[in-house]
Amino acid sequence: MKELDISLNEIGPVGFQHLCDVLPNTRLTSLSCARNFLLDSAFNAFTSVLSQTQLRKFDFSNCKLSDNDMVGLIDILSMDKQIQVVKVENNYFSEQIEPYVME
């Protein structure tokens, strides 16, 4: 399986943590988690394993992400040039983070 779409599944922070635990052991290249509420700790788990995955596309639109969530992701994206598509529309970003999200 190369693509996984768990949008609108209400997996919650615990379910998302379990997903992050197995992500490095998959061949997924595309992950859509749109419209799932994620806490900072859950999204931090994603950013901590992202460099160990084969993901090239991911969608976290409408997940109620905050500036804190994006800081770690922005750092990783600046180093990992293999990631091609990142969707994070309709989250809770301040004007300070929005320019990075739009790049």
Protein backbone atom coordinates (compact mmCIF):
# COMPACT_ATOMS: atom_id res chain seq x y z
CA MET A 1 0.00 0.00 0.00
CA LYS A 2 1.42 3.37 -1.03
CA GLU A 3 -1.43 5.71 -0.06
CA LEU A 4 -3.51 5.97 3.09
CA ASP A 5 -6.48 8.28 3.54
CA ILE A 6 -7.84 8.42 7.08
CA SER A 7 -9.55 11.77 6.68
CA LEU A 8 -12.70 12.31 8.74
CA ASN A 9 -12.04 9.26 10.90
CA GLU A 10 -11.69 10.91 14.30
CA ILE A 11 -8.62 8.83 15.07
CA GLY A 12 -7.70 11.18 17.90
CA PRO A 13 -4.29 11.72 19.47
CA VAL A 14 -3.87 8.13 20.66
CA GLY A 15 -4.77 6.62 17.30
CA PHE A 16 -2.50 9.07 15.53
CA GLN A 17 0.35 8.18 17.90
CA HIS A 18 -0.11 4.51 16.98
CA LEU A 19 0.00 5.45 13.29
CA CYS A 20 3.24 7.37 13.84
CA ASP A 21 4.73 4.37 15.61
CA VAL A 22 4.33 2.22 12.49
CA LEU A 23 4.94 4.83 9.77
CA PRO A 24 8.71 4.20 9.52
CA ASN A 25 7.97 0.53 8.80
CA THR A 26 5.64 1.21 5.86
CA ARG A 27 6.10 2.07 2.21
CA LEU A 28 3.53 4.86 2.30
CA THR A 29 4.27 7.77 0.01
CA SER A 30 0.99 9.63 0.58
CA LEU A 31 -0.92 10.20 3.83
CA SER A 32 -4.12 12.18 4.25
CA CYS A 33 -5.27 12.94 7.78
CA ALA A 34 -7.47 15.90 6.90
CA ARG A 35 -10.23 16.84 9.30
CA ASN A 36 -8.85 14.95 12.27
CA PHE A 37 -8.32 16.94 15.45
CA LEU A 38 -4.69 16.50 16.50
CA LEU A 39 -3.07 17.71 19.68
CA ASP A 40 0.43 19.22 19.71
CA SER A 41 1.89 16.04 21.16
CA ALA A 42 0.38 13.90 18.40
CA PHE A 43 1.64 16.13 15.62
CA ASN A 44 5.07 16.30 17.28
CA ALA A 45 5.16 12.51 17.05
CA PHE A 46 4.61 12.83 13.30
CA THR A 47 7.38 15.36 12.81
CA SER A 48 9.77 13.22 14.85
CA VAL A 49 9.31 10.19 12.55
CA LEU A 50 8.83 12.02 9.24
CA SER A 51 12.48 11.77 8.21
CA GLN A 52 12.31 7.99 8.73
CA THR A 53 9.45 7.52 6.27
CA GLN A 54 9.01 7.39 2.52
CA LEU A 55 6.24 10.00 2.58
CA ARG A 56 6.29 12.48 -0.28
CA LYS A 57 2.78 13.90 0.14
CA PHE A 58 0.68 14.57 3.19
CA ASP A 59 -2.49 16.43 4.00
CA PHE A 60 -3.24 17.87 7.44
CA SER A 61 -5.89 20.36 6.36
CA ASN A 62 -8.55 21.24 8.92
CA CYS A 63 -6.73 19.49 11.79
CA LYS A 64 -6.67 22.46 14.16
CA LEU A 65 -2.88 22.69 13.95
CA SER A 66 -1.19 25.62 15.65
CA ASP A 67 2.02 27.59 15.20
CA ASN A 68 3.74 25.22 17.62
CA ASP A 69 2.87 22.28 15.38
CA MET A 70 4.26 23.98 12.30
CA VAL A 71 7.64 25.03 13.74
CA GLY A 72 9.01 21.48 13.76
CA LEU A 73 7.51 20.71 10.39
CA ILE A 74 9.02 23.80 8.78
CA ASP A 75 12.46 22.79 10.06
CA ILE A 76 12.13 19.31 8.56
CA LEU A 77 10.79 20.59 5.25
CA SER A 78 13.74 22.92 4.89
CA MET A 79 16.09 19.92 5.06
CA ASP A 80 14.07 17.14 3.36
CA LYS A 81 13.84 17.99 -0.32
CA GLN A 82 12.05 14.73 -1.23
CA ILE A 83 8.73 15.86 0.22
CA GLN A 84 6.70 17.21 -2.68
CA VAL A 85 3.21 18.14 -1.44
CA VAL A 86 2.18 19.46 1.96
CA LYS A 87 -1.40 20.55 2.56
CA VAL A 88 -2.14 22.38 5.80
CA GLU A 89 -4.99 24.68 4.85
CA ASN A 90 -7.60 25.88 7.34
CA ASN A 91 -5.63 25.49 10.54
CA TYR A 92 -4.87 27.95 13.34
CA PHE A 93 -1.72 29.66 12.10
CA SER A 94 -0.72 33.18 13.05
CA GLU A 95 0.38 35.77 10.55
CA GLN A 96 3.98 34.96 11.50
CA ILE A 97 3.70 31.33 10.34
CA GLU A 98 1.49 31.85 7.28
CA PRO A 99 4.35 32.98 4.96
CA TYR A 100 6.13 29.66 5.60
CA VAL A 101 2.96 27.71 4.95
CA MET A 102 2.43 29.44 1.62
CA GLU A 103 5.91 28.58 0.23
